[in-house]
Structures are given as structure tokens and as C-alpha cells.
Amino acid sequence: MGHVRICQRQTAAAPYNNVKRGGWGHRSTIYASARATTDQMFRRFFARVSEFLSEVKAEIKKMSFPSRPETLASTGVVLILVLILSIFLSSMDHILVRLVKAVIG
């Protein structure tokens, strides 16, 4: 009979020091770095939001809005084009319905 080799697993954890070396590191180091990372993350987030809002405010100041006569003229053009297009589509629908009825019988 052959010899049976029994492999023992090492259960002792590797010793940690306060320096993080690619693994999870020391528990207190993890919590302290997570807390610092979270604080930094929130600071960066709010700094970016603040910068974005200040840029939006600056861009809004550069905008120019149309006067009342320009707005009324543009609205009139849109309404006339909608009316023309609806008449065209309605007439095309009426023609196509008659054509289909003639083909079907």
C-alpha cells in the first residue's frame, strides 16, 4: 500500500503591521482610511457641484431671450406650419383610404 500524505492547512493569519501592503491591511487602518476617503469624496463632490452651479450661473448671464414681438412671430410661423402639415396629412390619409378601398373592392 502507498503512503497517505496528510496536508495540514496553515490557519494562522499572516502578521499585519500598520502599513497597507496590497491586502486588506490592519483593521484600524482600513476604518481610518475609509473614513478619510469618504470625507474627501464628499468634499470633492460638493466642490464639483459648487463649481458646476457657478458655471451655470455665468452661462445664464450670457443668454439673451427673444423679445415679445420675436416670440409672437415665431409662434405664428409654427402655428401656420402645423396647420399646413395637418391639412396635407389629412388629405393624404383620405386619398390612401380611397385607394385601398378601390383595390380591395
Protein backbone atom coordinates (compact mmCIF):
# COMPACT_ATOMS: atom_id res chain seq x y z
CA MET A 1 0.00 0.00 0.00
CA GLY A 2 1.08 3.52 -0.67
CA HIS A 3 1.68 6.09 1.94
CA VAL A 4 -1.11 8.60 2.54
CA ARG A 5 0.15 12.13 2.79
CA ILE A 6 -1.83 14.37 5.07
CA CYS A 7 -1.64 18.03 4.20
CA GLN A 8 -2.15 20.41 7.03
CA ARG A 9 -3.51 23.81 6.22
CA GLN A 10 -1.90 26.75 7.86
CA THR A 11 -4.63 28.56 9.73
CA ALA A 12 -2.57 31.27 11.33
CA ALA A 13 -3.01 34.63 9.65
CA ALA A 14 0.00 36.49 8.40
CA PRO A 15 1.14 39.19 10.77
CA TYR A 16 -0.01 42.71 9.88
CA ASN A 17 1.53 46.00 10.68
CA ASN A 18 0.10 49.47 10.14
CA VAL A 19 1.42 49.70 6.60
CA LYS A 20 -1.01 48.58 3.95
CA ARG A 21 0.70 46.07 1.64
CA GLY A 22 -1.71 45.20 -1.14
CA GLY A 23 -4.05 43.21 1.11
CA TRP A 24 -6.79 44.45 3.37
CA GLY A 25 -4.29 45.77 5.85
CA HIS A 26 -4.76 46.38 9.52
CA ARG A 27 -8.33 46.84 10.65
CA SER A 28 -7.84 50.25 12.23
CA THR A 29 -6.03 51.40 9.10
CA ILE A 30 -8.99 50.29 6.99
CA TYR A 31 -11.53 52.19 9.06
CA ALA A 32 -9.41 55.33 9.29
CA SER A 33 -8.66 55.33 5.55
CA ALA A 34 -12.31 54.62 4.70
CA ARG A 35 -13.44 57.49 6.90
CA ALA A 36 -10.85 59.81 5.33
CA THR A 37 -11.73 58.61 1.85
CA THR A 38 -15.44 59.20 2.48
CA ASP A 39 -14.81 62.70 3.79
CA GLN A 40 -12.60 63.51 0.81
CA MET A 41 -15.18 62.05 -1.53
CA PHE A 42 -17.94 64.26 -0.11
CA ARG A 43 -15.71 67.34 -0.20
CA ARG A 44 -14.79 66.69 -3.84
CA PHE A 45 -18.44 66.05 -4.72
CA PHE A 46 -19.67 69.27 -3.15
CA ALA A 47 -16.75 71.22 -4.64
CA ARG A 48 -17.67 69.91 -8.10
CA VAL A 49 -21.37 70.70 -7.60
CA SER A 50 -20.49 74.20 -6.42
CA GLU A 51 -18.21 74.74 -9.43
CA PHE A 52 -20.90 73.44 -11.80
CA LEU A 53 -23.56 75.75 -10.35
CA SER A 54 -21.28 78.78 -10.57
CA GLU A 55 -20.56 77.94 -14.23
CA VAL A 56 -24.31 77.59 -14.89
CA LYS A 57 -24.90 80.99 -13.32
CA ALA A 58 -22.21 82.54 -15.53
CA GLU A 59 -23.69 80.94 -18.66
CA ILE A 60 -27.22 82.11 -17.80
CA LYS A 61 -25.92 85.68 -17.57
CA LYS A 62 -24.61 85.33 -21.15
CA MET A 63 -28.00 84.21 -22.51
CA SER A 64 -30.28 86.53 -24.41
CA PHE A 65 -34.01 85.92 -24.60
CA PRO A 66 -36.22 86.95 -27.54
CA SER A 67 -38.41 90.00 -27.26
CA ARG A 68 -42.20 89.73 -27.21
CA PRO A 69 -42.64 90.56 -30.94
CA GLU A 70 -40.00 87.96 -31.90
CA THR A 71 -41.74 85.35 -29.76
CA LEU A 72 -45.14 86.12 -31.26
CA ALA A 73 -43.73 85.98 -34.82
CA SER A 74 -42.06 82.60 -34.17
CA THR A 75 -45.24 81.24 -32.61
CA GLY A 76 -47.25 82.37 -35.64
CA VAL A 77 -44.85 80.63 -38.03
CA VAL A 78 -45.09 77.40 -36.04
CA LEU A 79 -48.91 77.51 -35.93
CA ILE A 80 -49.15 78.12 -39.69
CA LEU A 81 -46.75 75.27 -40.48
CA VAL A 82 -48.68 72.91 -38.17
CA LEU A 83 -51.93 73.86 -39.92
CA ILE A 84 -50.42 73.29 -43.40
CA LEU A 85 -48.91 69.96 -42.38
CA SER A 86 -52.14 68.73 -40.78
CA ILE A 87 -54.12 69.60 -43.94
CA PHE A 88 -51.53 67.77 -46.07
CA LEU A 89 -51.53 64.65 -43.87
CA SER A 90 -55.31 64.61 -43.68
CA SER A 91 -55.65 64.82 -47.45
CA MET A 92 -53.02 62.08 -47.97
CA ASP A 93 -54.88 59.86 -45.49
CA HIS A 94 -58.17 60.47 -47.32
CA ILE A 95 -56.56 59.63 -50.70
CA LEU A 96 -54.88 56.48 -49.39
CA VAL A 97 -58.11 55.25 -47.77
CA ARG A 98 -59.95 55.64 -51.09
CA LEU A 99 -57.10 53.90 -52.94
CA VAL A 100 -57.10 50.93 -50.57
CA LYS A 101 -60.91 50.64 -50.78
CA ALA A 102 -60.67 50.65 -54.61
CA VAL A 103 -58.01 47.91 -54.60
CA ILE A 104 -59.77 45.71 -52.04
CA GLY A 105 -63.15 46.16 -53.60
